[in-house]
């Protein structure tokens, strides 16, 4: 199985422009025979909590149809981030597209303290049984700091733990240490997909990374370049 993570610079609040950027990354990952690609937290809008009421969409929104189309065409699983709305509540969500399947929506269960009051915590954990050998556990940013989230992934037999984040230059090194420990403790190949540039007023750190099951860093992008790691 080949897993890709994307590092991108978001266009603030612009779903159309961010979607076009996503499609280019997905094409590039597919050309390199990737089976799965995961983007940073709220990647289709940028991380903009103050705009959440305006940007939140229902998970069935037709603007996301091109993602299902490219998933079907390329047979690639795609995890993208966007604020979603349901019954008047707003969630930090990852929408997952798979060949010939309905969209899967995973909403962040463990909110950072500044997100409380803006977003509602999700209440449905998620792992993706990908094939007979691989189970994928998505994590959305602050969740990687929650031991219950990590242990659930391990208990469900996850072989890969993929953190979709916004990480600033002030916080990235601490999370890099945490993700290395998650990889070695639970014997999961571990990933972090992060932004570059500015989002939500944060100076984003890049350094999207992959660790092996011993917690050793095996690949990392730089602090200022868009790209993918496979």
Protein backbone atom coordinates (compact mmCIF):
# COMPACT_ATOMS: atom_id res chain seq x y z
CA UNK A 1 0.00 0.00 0.00
CA UNK A 2 1.21 3.52 -0.84
CA UNK A 3 0.09 6.43 1.34
CA UNK A 4 0.59 10.09 0.42
CA UNK A 5 0.34 13.19 2.57
CA UNK A 6 0.01 16.67 1.10
CA UNK A 7 1.65 19.87 2.30
CA UNK A 8 -0.01 22.97 0.89
CA UNK A 9 -0.48 26.69 1.30
CA UNK A 10 -4.24 27.34 1.61
CA UNK A 11 -6.20 30.17 0.04
CA UNK A 12 -8.16 31.71 2.92
CA UNK A 13 -11.83 30.73 2.76
CA UNK A 14 -11.80 29.92 -0.96
CA UNK A 15 -13.17 26.42 -1.51
CA UNK A 16 -12.94 26.60 -5.31
CA UNK A 17 -9.26 27.57 -5.43
CA UNK A 18 -8.31 25.11 -2.73
CA UNK A 19 -10.26 22.36 -4.47
CA UNK A 20 -8.37 22.97 -7.71
CA UNK A 21 -5.12 22.71 -5.79
CA UNK A 22 -6.30 19.45 -4.22
CA UNK A 23 -7.08 17.95 -7.61
CA UNK A 24 -3.54 18.67 -8.81
CA UNK A 25 -2.04 17.02 -5.73
CA UNK A 26 -4.32 14.00 -6.16
CA UNK A 27 -3.31 13.62 -9.81
CA UNK A 28 0.36 13.76 -8.81
CA UNK A 29 -0.12 11.16 -6.07
CA UNK A 30 -2.07 8.90 -8.41
CA UNK A 31 0.62 9.09 -11.06
CA UNK A 32 2.98 7.70 -8.44
CA UNK A 33 0.56 4.83 -7.69
CA UNK A 34 -0.65 6.12 -4.32
CA UNK A 35 -3.66 4.32 -2.85
CA UNK A 36 -4.50 7.08 -0.35
CA UNK A 37 -3.82 10.79 0.09
CA UNK A 38 -4.56 12.87 3.20
CA UNK A 39 -4.57 16.68 3.36
CA UNK A 40 -4.08 19.07 6.33
CA UNK A 41 -6.82 20.07 8.78
CA UNK A 42 -9.65 22.03 7.09
CA UNK A 43 -7.64 21.95 3.88
CA UNK A 44 -10.46 23.05 1.57
CA UNK A 45 -10.96 26.35 3.38
CA UNK A 46 -7.81 26.88 5.38
CA UNK A 47 -7.95 26.86 9.16
CA UNK A 48 -10.23 29.86 9.72
CA UNK A 49 -12.45 29.35 12.80
CA UNK A 50 -13.79 32.92 12.67
CA UNK A 51 -15.26 32.12 9.23
CA UNK A 52 -16.69 28.75 10.21
CA UNK A 53 -20.33 29.89 10.17
CA UNK A 54 -19.88 31.16 6.64
CA UNK A 55 -17.73 28.32 5.30
CA UNK A 56 -19.44 25.26 6.83
CA UNK A 57 -21.18 23.01 4.31
CA UNK A 58 -23.31 19.87 4.51
CA UNK A 59 -21.19 16.79 3.81
CA UNK A 60 -23.23 16.12 0.66
CA UNK A 61 -22.41 19.51 -0.90
CA UNK A 62 -22.19 19.22 -4.70
CA UNK A 63 -19.03 21.33 -4.85
CA UNK A 64 -17.15 18.26 -3.66
CA UNK A 65 -18.31 16.05 -6.54
CA UNK A 66 -14.97 16.44 -8.40
CA UNK A 67 -13.26 14.71 -5.49
CA UNK A 68 -15.54 11.69 -5.82
CA UNK A 69 -15.03 11.69 -9.58
CA UNK A 70 -11.25 11.64 -9.34
CA UNK A 71 -11.40 9.02 -6.57
CA UNK A 72 -13.47 6.79 -8.86
CA UNK A 73 -11.35 7.50 -11.94
CA UNK A 74 -8.00 6.98 -10.23
CA UNK A 75 -9.06 4.43 -7.61
CA UNK A 76 -7.52 6.53 -4.86
CA UNK A 77 -8.85 7.19 -1.35
CA UNK A 78 -8.86 10.90 -0.47
CA UNK A 79 -9.11 12.56 2.96
CA UNK A 80 -9.90 16.29 2.79
CA UNK A 81 -10.71 18.79 5.53
CA UNK A 82 -13.62 21.22 5.70
CA UNK A 83 -16.02 22.57 8.35
CA UNK A 84 -19.33 20.72 8.09
CA UNK A 85 -22.76 21.54 9.42
CA UNK A 86 -25.44 19.19 10.70
CA UNK A 87 -28.56 20.02 12.74
CA UNK A 88 -27.31 23.53 13.35
CA UNK A 89 -23.94 22.44 14.72
CA UNK A 90 -20.54 23.02 13.08
CA UNK A 91 -17.78 20.41 13.07
CA UNK A 92 -14.11 20.21 12.13
CA UNK A 93 -14.40 17.37 9.65
CA UNK A 94 -12.45 15.16 7.34
CA UNK A 95 -14.50 13.95 4.38
CA UNK A 96 -13.19 10.71 2.92
CA UNK A 97 -13.81 9.68 -0.69
CA UNK A 98 -13.39 6.09 -1.86
CA UNK A 99 -14.02 4.30 -5.13
CA UNK A 100 -17.73 3.62 -5.55
CA UNK A 101 -18.63 4.40 -1.92
CA UNK A 102 -20.62 7.08 -0.15
CA UNK A 103 -18.64 9.86 1.49
CA UNK A 104 -17.36 9.05 4.97
CA UNK A 105 -17.38 11.97 7.41
CA UNK A 106 -15.08 11.93 10.42
CA UNK A 107 -15.50 14.89 12.78
CA UNK A 108 -12.83 15.91 15.28
CA UNK A 109 -13.65 14.39 18.68
CA UNK A 110 -11.13 16.27 20.82
CA UNK A 111 -11.22 20.03 20.30
CA UNK A 112 -8.46 22.47 21.15
CA UNK A 113 -9.57 24.94 23.83
CA UNK A 114 -9.84 27.86 21.37
CA UNK A 115 -12.22 25.80 19.20
CA UNK A 116 -14.76 25.17 21.97
CA UNK A 117 -17.78 27.39 21.47
CA UNK A 118 -17.20 27.59 17.73
CA UNK A 119 -17.22 23.92 16.85
CA UNK A 120 -19.02 20.89 18.27
CA UNK A 121 -17.00 17.78 19.08
CA UNK A 122 -17.71 14.71 17.00
CA UNK A 123 -18.81 11.56 18.78
CA UNK A 124 -18.01 8.82 16.26
CA UNK A 125 -14.48 7.38 16.21
CA UNK A 126 -13.11 6.34 12.84
CA UNK A 127 -10.73 3.80 11.40
CA UNK A 128 -10.64 2.75 7.75
CA UNK A 129 -10.12 -0.95 7.00
CA UNK A 130 -8.29 -0.45 3.73
CA UNK A 131 -7.43 -4.00 2.75
CA UNK A 132 -6.66 -7.32 4.45
CA UNK A 133 -3.39 -5.99 5.86
CA UNK A 134 -3.91 -2.28 6.45
CA UNK A 135 -6.17 -0.27 8.75
CA UNK A 136 -5.90 3.52 8.64
CA UNK A 137 -6.57 5.72 11.69
CA UNK A 138 -7.13 9.41 10.86
CA UNK A 139 -6.42 12.04 13.51
CA UNK A 140 -7.32 15.72 13.25
CA UNK A 141 -4.67 17.99 14.80
CA UNK A 142 -5.14 18.23 18.60
CA UNK A 143 -6.35 14.62 18.67
CA UNK A 144 -2.75 13.45 18.33
CA UNK A 145 -2.22 14.81 21.87
CA UNK A 146 -5.05 12.68 23.28
CA UNK A 147 -4.03 9.26 24.58
CA UNK A 148 -7.57 7.87 24.25
CA UNK A 149 -7.50 8.63 20.54
CA UNK A 150 -4.17 6.86 20.07
CA UNK A 151 -5.21 3.85 22.12
CA UNK A 152 -8.48 3.45 20.23
CA UNK A 153 -6.54 3.33 16.97
CA UNK A 154 -4.22 0.70 18.42
CA UNK A 155 -7.08 -1.38 19.81
CA UNK A 156 -8.73 -1.37 16.38
CA UNK A 157 -5.57 -2.78 14.84
CA UNK A 158 -4.47 0.35 12.97
CA UNK A 159 -1.29 -0.07 10.95
CA UNK A 160 -1.08 3.62 9.98
CA UNK A 161 -1.87 6.74 12.03
CA UNK A 162 -2.32 9.86 9.90
CA UNK A 163 -2.51 13.26 11.56
CA UNK A 164 -4.13 16.03 9.50
CA UNK A 165 -2.96 19.23 11.19
CA UNK A 166 -2.35 22.92 11.30
CA UNK A 167 0.93 23.23 13.12
CA UNK A 168 2.62 26.57 13.72
CA UNK A 169 6.34 27.23 13.95
CA UNK A 170 5.91 27.46 17.73
CA UNK A 171 4.23 24.07 18.13
CA UNK A 172 5.54 21.79 15.44
CA UNK A 173 8.60 20.39 17.21
CA UNK A 174 6.57 19.24 20.21
CA UNK A 175 4.10 17.46 17.94
CA UNK A 176 6.91 15.89 15.95
CA UNK A 177 8.15 14.36 19.21
CA UNK A 178 4.64 13.16 20.09
CA UNK A 179 4.10 11.53 16.72
CA UNK A 180 7.45 9.77 16.88
CA UNK A 181 6.43 8.37 20.27
CA UNK A 182 3.03 7.27 18.93
CA UNK A 183 4.76 5.40 16.10
CA UNK A 184 7.16 3.56 18.40
CA UNK A 185 4.69 2.91 21.23
CA UNK A 186 1.90 1.48 19.09
CA UNK A 187 3.96 0.16 16.15
CA UNK A 188 2.04 2.19 13.60
CA UNK A 189 3.59 3.94 10.61
CA UNK A 190 2.75 7.54 11.47
CA UNK A 191 2.20 10.62 9.29
CA UNK A 192 1.69 14.36 9.71
CA UNK A 193 0.20 16.49 6.91
CA UNK A 194 0.71 20.20 7.63
CA UNK A 195 0.35 23.62 6.00
CA UNK A 196 2.89 26.17 4.92
CA UNK A 197 2.23 29.92 4.77
CA UNK A 198 -0.34 31.72 6.93
CA UNK A 199 -3.68 30.26 8.01
CA UNK A 200 -5.93 31.42 10.82
CA UNK A 201 -3.31 33.99 11.72
CA UNK A 202 -0.74 31.24 12.34
CA UNK A 203 2.67 31.04 10.71
CA UNK A 204 2.48 27.44 9.58
CA UNK A 205 5.56 25.30 9.96
CA UNK A 206 5.44 22.75 7.16
CA UNK A 207 7.74 19.80 8.02
CA UNK A 208 5.11 17.25 6.95
CA UNK A 209 6.63 13.96 8.05
CA UNK A 210 6.56 10.16 8.11
CA UNK A 211 7.87 7.89 10.89
CA UNK A 212 8.39 4.14 10.79
CA UNK A 213 7.17 1.75 13.48
CA UNK A 214 10.34 2.34 15.52
CA UNK A 215 9.53 6.06 15.67
CA UNK A 216 12.36 6.95 13.29
CA UNK A 217 11.81 9.86 10.93
CA UNK A 218 12.02 8.47 7.40
CA UNK A 219 10.86 11.45 5.32
CA UNK A 220 10.12 15.14 5.86
CA UNK A 221 9.30 18.12 3.69
CA UNK A 222 10.78 21.55 4.36
CA UNK A 223 9.19 24.62 5.99
CA UNK A 224 8.16 26.51 2.85
CA UNK A 225 7.49 24.25 -0.13
CA UNK A 226 4.22 22.67 -1.21
CA UNK A 227 4.48 19.00 -2.07
CA UNK A 228 3.59 15.41 -1.28
CA UNK A 229 5.33 12.64 0.62
CA UNK A 230 4.65 9.02 -0.21
